[in-house]
Amino acid sequence: MKANIHPEYRSVVFHDTSVDAYFIVGSTLQTSRTIEWQDGKTYPYYPLDISSASHPVYTGKQRATNKEGRVAHFARKFGQVGRRKKEQA
């Protein structure tokens, strides 16, 4: 294997700003910002808009979706267009 071709793998603090949740995760992400963590160590810091702590699928607050599929909706809306011309002929 070639030496010095892999990015540095280190612990990074990810901050979900929508719910103010913090996670320390191993990552190769490069960031210039740092934060001092509760253990007194300084870690690279990366803010997130959404994570598993705030995403509706993971929190169980997902909206109920319409059970009718997109194809059925399209067929209901536009399915009669071709039939009208055939019936008139």
N, C-alpha and C. Protein backbone atom coordinates (compact mmCIF):
# COMPACT_ATOMS: atom_id res chain seq x y z
N MET A 1 0.84 -1.19 0.00
CA MET A 1 0.00 0.00 0.00
C MET A 1 0.88 1.25 0.00
N LYS A 2 0.40 2.27 -0.64
CA LYS A 2 1.14 3.52 -0.69
C LYS A 2 0.96 4.27 0.63
N ALA A 3 2.00 4.91 1.05
CA ALA A 3 1.96 5.68 2.29
C ALA A 3 1.45 7.09 2.01
N ASN A 4 0.78 7.67 2.99
CA ASN A 4 0.33 9.07 2.98
C ASN A 4 -0.65 9.40 1.87
N ILE A 5 -1.50 8.47 1.48
CA ILE A 5 -2.52 8.78 0.47
C ILE A 5 -3.92 8.84 1.07
N HIS A 6 -4.09 8.37 2.29
CA HIS A 6 -5.40 8.35 2.91
C HIS A 6 -5.62 9.62 3.74
N PRO A 7 -6.86 10.14 3.76
CA PRO A 7 -7.13 11.33 4.59
C PRO A 7 -7.05 10.98 6.07
N GLU A 8 -6.84 12.00 6.87
CA GLU A 8 -6.73 11.81 8.32
C GLU A 8 -8.11 11.47 8.90
N TYR A 9 -8.18 10.37 9.62
CA TYR A 9 -9.42 9.94 10.27
C TYR A 9 -9.34 10.40 11.72
N ARG A 10 -10.33 11.18 12.16
CA ARG A 10 -10.30 11.75 13.51
C ARG A 10 -11.72 11.92 14.03
N SER A 11 -11.84 12.21 15.30
CA SER A 11 -13.15 12.48 15.90
C SER A 11 -13.55 13.91 15.59
N VAL A 12 -14.81 14.08 15.17
CA VAL A 12 -15.35 15.39 14.81
C VAL A 12 -16.67 15.58 15.56
N VAL A 13 -16.91 16.79 16.06
CA VAL A 13 -18.18 17.11 16.72
C VAL A 13 -19.13 17.66 15.66
N PHE A 14 -20.25 16.95 15.47
CA PHE A 14 -21.31 17.41 14.57
C PHE A 14 -22.42 18.01 15.43
N HIS A 15 -22.91 19.18 15.03
CA HIS A 15 -23.93 19.90 15.80
C HIS A 15 -25.17 20.05 14.95
N ASP A 16 -26.26 19.39 15.35
CA ASP A 16 -27.55 19.56 14.67
C ASP A 16 -28.16 20.83 15.22
N THR A 17 -28.13 21.90 14.44
CA THR A 17 -28.56 23.21 14.92
C THR A 17 -30.07 23.32 15.09
N SER A 18 -30.85 22.46 14.43
CA SER A 18 -32.30 22.56 14.54
C SER A 18 -32.82 22.08 15.89
N VAL A 19 -32.13 21.13 16.53
CA VAL A 19 -32.57 20.64 17.84
C VAL A 19 -31.48 20.80 18.90
N ASP A 20 -30.37 21.45 18.54
CA ASP A 20 -29.25 21.69 19.44
C ASP A 20 -28.70 20.39 20.03
N ALA A 21 -28.45 19.41 19.16
CA ALA A 21 -27.89 18.13 19.58
C ALA A 21 -26.46 18.01 19.04
N TYR A 22 -25.57 17.44 19.84
CA TYR A 22 -24.17 17.28 19.47
C TYR A 22 -23.83 15.79 19.39
N PHE A 23 -22.98 15.43 18.43
CA PHE A 23 -22.53 14.05 18.25
C PHE A 23 -21.02 14.07 18.00
N ILE A 24 -20.30 13.15 18.60
CA ILE A 24 -18.89 12.96 18.26
C ILE A 24 -18.82 11.71 17.40
N VAL A 25 -18.33 11.87 16.18
CA VAL A 25 -18.28 10.78 15.21
C VAL A 25 -16.92 10.78 14.54
N GLY A 26 -16.40 9.60 14.26
CA GLY A 26 -15.16 9.50 13.50
C GLY A 26 -15.40 9.90 12.06
N SER A 27 -14.54 10.76 11.52
CA SER A 27 -14.75 11.27 10.17
C SER A 27 -13.44 11.74 9.56
N THR A 28 -13.43 11.86 8.25
CA THR A 28 -12.29 12.44 7.53
C THR A 28 -12.60 13.86 7.09
N LEU A 29 -13.72 14.41 7.53
CA LEU A 29 -14.15 15.76 7.16
C LEU A 29 -13.11 16.79 7.58
N GLN A 30 -12.79 17.70 6.67
CA GLN A 30 -11.85 18.77 6.96
C GLN A 30 -12.63 20.04 7.28
N THR A 31 -12.38 20.62 8.43
CA THR A 31 -13.06 21.85 8.84
C THR A 31 -12.07 22.74 9.58
N SER A 32 -12.28 24.04 9.49
CA SER A 32 -11.37 24.98 10.16
C SER A 32 -11.88 25.37 11.54
N ARG A 33 -13.13 25.08 11.85
CA ARG A 33 -13.71 25.45 13.14
C ARG A 33 -13.45 24.35 14.17
N THR A 34 -13.28 24.75 15.42
CA THR A 34 -13.08 23.80 16.51
C THR A 34 -13.99 24.15 17.67
N ILE A 35 -14.17 23.18 18.57
CA ILE A 35 -14.98 23.39 19.75
C ILE A 35 -14.36 22.59 20.90
N GLU A 36 -14.42 23.16 22.10
CA GLU A 36 -13.94 22.43 23.27
C GLU A 36 -15.10 21.60 23.81
N TRP A 37 -14.87 20.31 23.94
CA TRP A 37 -15.91 19.37 24.36
C TRP A 37 -15.92 19.24 25.88
N GLN A 38 -16.89 18.53 26.41
CA GLN A 38 -17.07 18.36 27.85
C GLN A 38 -15.90 17.65 28.52
N ASP A 39 -15.15 16.85 27.76
CA ASP A 39 -14.01 16.14 28.33
C ASP A 39 -12.75 17.01 28.36
N GLY A 40 -12.85 18.27 27.94
CA GLY A 40 -11.74 19.19 27.96
C GLY A 40 -10.89 19.17 26.70
N LYS A 41 -11.15 18.25 25.80
CA LYS A 41 -10.39 18.18 24.55
C LYS A 41 -11.02 19.09 23.49
N THR A 42 -10.20 19.52 22.56
CA THR A 42 -10.67 20.35 21.45
C THR A 42 -10.84 19.47 20.22
N TYR A 43 -12.01 19.55 19.60
CA TYR A 43 -12.34 18.74 18.43
C TYR A 43 -12.71 19.64 17.26
N PRO A 44 -12.55 19.15 16.04
CA PRO A 44 -13.09 19.87 14.89
C PRO A 44 -14.61 19.94 15.01
N TYR A 45 -15.20 21.02 14.54
CA TYR A 45 -16.64 21.28 14.71
C TYR A 45 -17.28 21.46 13.34
N TYR A 46 -18.46 20.83 13.16
CA TYR A 46 -19.19 20.98 11.90
C TYR A 46 -20.68 21.08 12.19
N PRO A 47 -21.33 22.22 11.87
CA PRO A 47 -22.78 22.36 12.09
C PRO A 47 -23.58 21.67 10.98
N LEU A 48 -24.72 21.09 11.36
CA LEU A 48 -25.62 20.41 10.42
C LEU A 48 -27.00 21.04 10.49
N ASP A 49 -27.73 21.02 9.39
CA ASP A 49 -29.12 21.48 9.39
C ASP A 49 -30.05 20.40 9.89
N ILE A 50 -29.73 19.14 9.61
CA ILE A 50 -30.61 18.03 9.97
C ILE A 50 -29.76 16.79 10.22
N SER A 51 -30.18 15.98 11.17
CA SER A 51 -29.50 14.72 11.47
C SER A 51 -30.55 13.72 11.93
N SER A 52 -30.11 12.58 12.41
CA SER A 52 -31.06 11.57 12.89
C SER A 52 -31.82 12.07 14.13
N ALA A 53 -31.29 13.07 14.81
CA ALA A 53 -31.98 13.61 15.99
C ALA A 53 -33.16 14.51 15.61
N SER A 54 -33.18 15.01 14.37
CA SER A 54 -34.25 15.92 13.99
C SER A 54 -35.02 15.51 12.74
N HIS A 55 -34.55 14.51 12.02
CA HIS A 55 -35.22 14.10 10.78
C HIS A 55 -36.53 13.38 11.11
N PRO A 56 -37.63 13.74 10.46
CA PRO A 56 -38.94 13.16 10.77
C PRO A 56 -38.99 11.64 10.65
N VAL A 57 -38.25 11.06 9.76
CA VAL A 57 -38.27 9.60 9.60
C VAL A 57 -37.71 8.92 10.85
N TYR A 58 -36.66 9.48 11.44
CA TYR A 58 -36.02 8.88 12.60
C TYR A 58 -36.70 9.25 13.92
N THR A 59 -37.38 10.39 13.97
CA THR A 59 -38.01 10.81 15.21
C THR A 59 -39.43 10.29 15.36
N GLY A 60 -39.99 9.71 14.29
CA GLY A 60 -41.36 9.19 14.35
C GLY A 60 -42.41 10.26 14.14
N LYS A 61 -42.02 11.44 13.74
CA LYS A 61 -42.96 12.54 13.51
C LYS A 61 -43.19 12.77 12.03
N GLN A 62 -43.09 11.70 11.28
CA GLN A 62 -43.26 11.80 9.83
C GLN A 62 -44.72 12.07 9.50
N ARG A 63 -44.94 12.93 8.52
CA ARG A 63 -46.30 13.23 8.09
C ARG A 63 -46.90 12.01 7.42
N ALA A 64 -48.19 11.85 7.59
CA ALA A 64 -48.88 10.77 6.90
C ALA A 64 -48.96 11.13 5.42
N THR A 65 -48.50 10.24 4.59
CA THR A 65 -48.55 10.51 3.16
C THR A 65 -49.81 9.93 2.57
N ASN A 66 -50.20 10.46 1.45
CA ASN A 66 -51.38 9.97 0.76
C ASN A 66 -51.12 8.55 0.30
N LYS A 67 -52.03 7.64 0.57
CA LYS A 67 -51.82 6.24 0.23
C LYS A 67 -51.93 6.01 -1.27
N GLU A 68 -52.56 6.92 -1.97
CA GLU A 68 -52.66 6.80 -3.41
C GLU A 68 -51.32 7.15 -4.03
N GLY A 69 -50.86 6.34 -4.94
CA GLY A 69 -49.56 6.56 -5.56
C GLY A 69 -49.58 7.70 -6.56
N ARG A 70 -48.41 8.11 -6.97
CA ARG A 70 -48.26 9.20 -7.92
C ARG A 70 -48.83 8.82 -9.29
N VAL A 71 -48.65 7.57 -9.69
CA VAL A 71 -49.15 7.13 -10.99
C VAL A 71 -50.68 7.13 -10.99
N ALA A 72 -51.28 6.66 -9.91
CA ALA A 72 -52.74 6.65 -9.82
C ALA A 72 -53.29 8.07 -9.83
N HIS A 73 -52.61 8.98 -9.18
CA HIS A 73 -53.02 10.38 -9.16
C HIS A 73 -52.96 10.96 -10.58
N PHE A 74 -51.90 10.67 -11.29
CA PHE A 74 -51.75 11.14 -12.67
C PHE A 74 -52.85 10.55 -13.56
N ALA A 75 -53.11 9.25 -13.41
CA ALA A 75 -54.14 8.60 -14.23
C ALA A 75 -55.52 9.18 -13.95
N ARG A 76 -55.80 9.47 -12.69
CA ARG A 76 -57.10 10.05 -12.34
C ARG A 76 -57.23 11.46 -12.93
N LYS A 77 -56.15 12.20 -12.92
CA LYS A 77 -56.19 13.58 -13.38
C LYS A 77 -56.20 13.69 -14.91
N PHE A 78 -55.41 12.87 -15.58
CA PHE A 78 -55.25 13.00 -17.03
C PHE A 78 -55.72 11.78 -17.81
N GLY A 79 -56.21 10.76 -17.17
CA GLY A 79 -56.59 9.53 -17.84
C GLY A 79 -57.76 9.68 -18.78
N GLN A 80 -58.66 10.60 -18.53
CA GLN A 80 -59.85 10.79 -19.36
C GLN A 80 -59.57 11.61 -20.62
N VAL A 81 -58.44 12.24 -20.72
CA VAL A 81 -58.14 13.13 -21.84
C VAL A 81 -58.17 12.37 -23.16
N GLY A 82 -57.53 11.24 -23.26
CA GLY A 82 -57.49 10.46 -24.49
C GLY A 82 -58.81 9.79 -24.80
N ARG A 83 -59.58 9.43 -23.81
CA ARG A 83 -60.85 8.74 -24.01
C ARG A 83 -61.91 9.64 -24.63
N ARG A 84 -61.91 10.89 -24.29
CA ARG A 84 -62.91 11.82 -24.81
C ARG A 84 -62.81 11.92 -26.33
N LYS A 85 -61.62 11.99 -26.85
CA LYS A 85 -61.43 12.11 -28.30
C LYS A 85 -61.91 10.85 -29.01
N LYS A 86 -61.64 9.69 -28.43
CA LYS A 86 -62.05 8.43 -29.06
C LYS A 86 -63.57 8.27 -29.04
N GLU A 87 -64.22 8.70 -27.96
CA GLU A 87 -65.67 8.58 -27.84
C GLU A 87 -66.39 9.51 -28.81
N GLN A 88 -65.83 10.67 -29.09
CA GLN A 88 -66.46 11.64 -29.98
C GLN A 88 -66.35 11.21 -31.44
N ALA A 89 -65.38 10.40 -31.79
CA ALA A 89 -65.17 10.01 -33.19
C ALA A 89 -66.13 8.96 -33.67
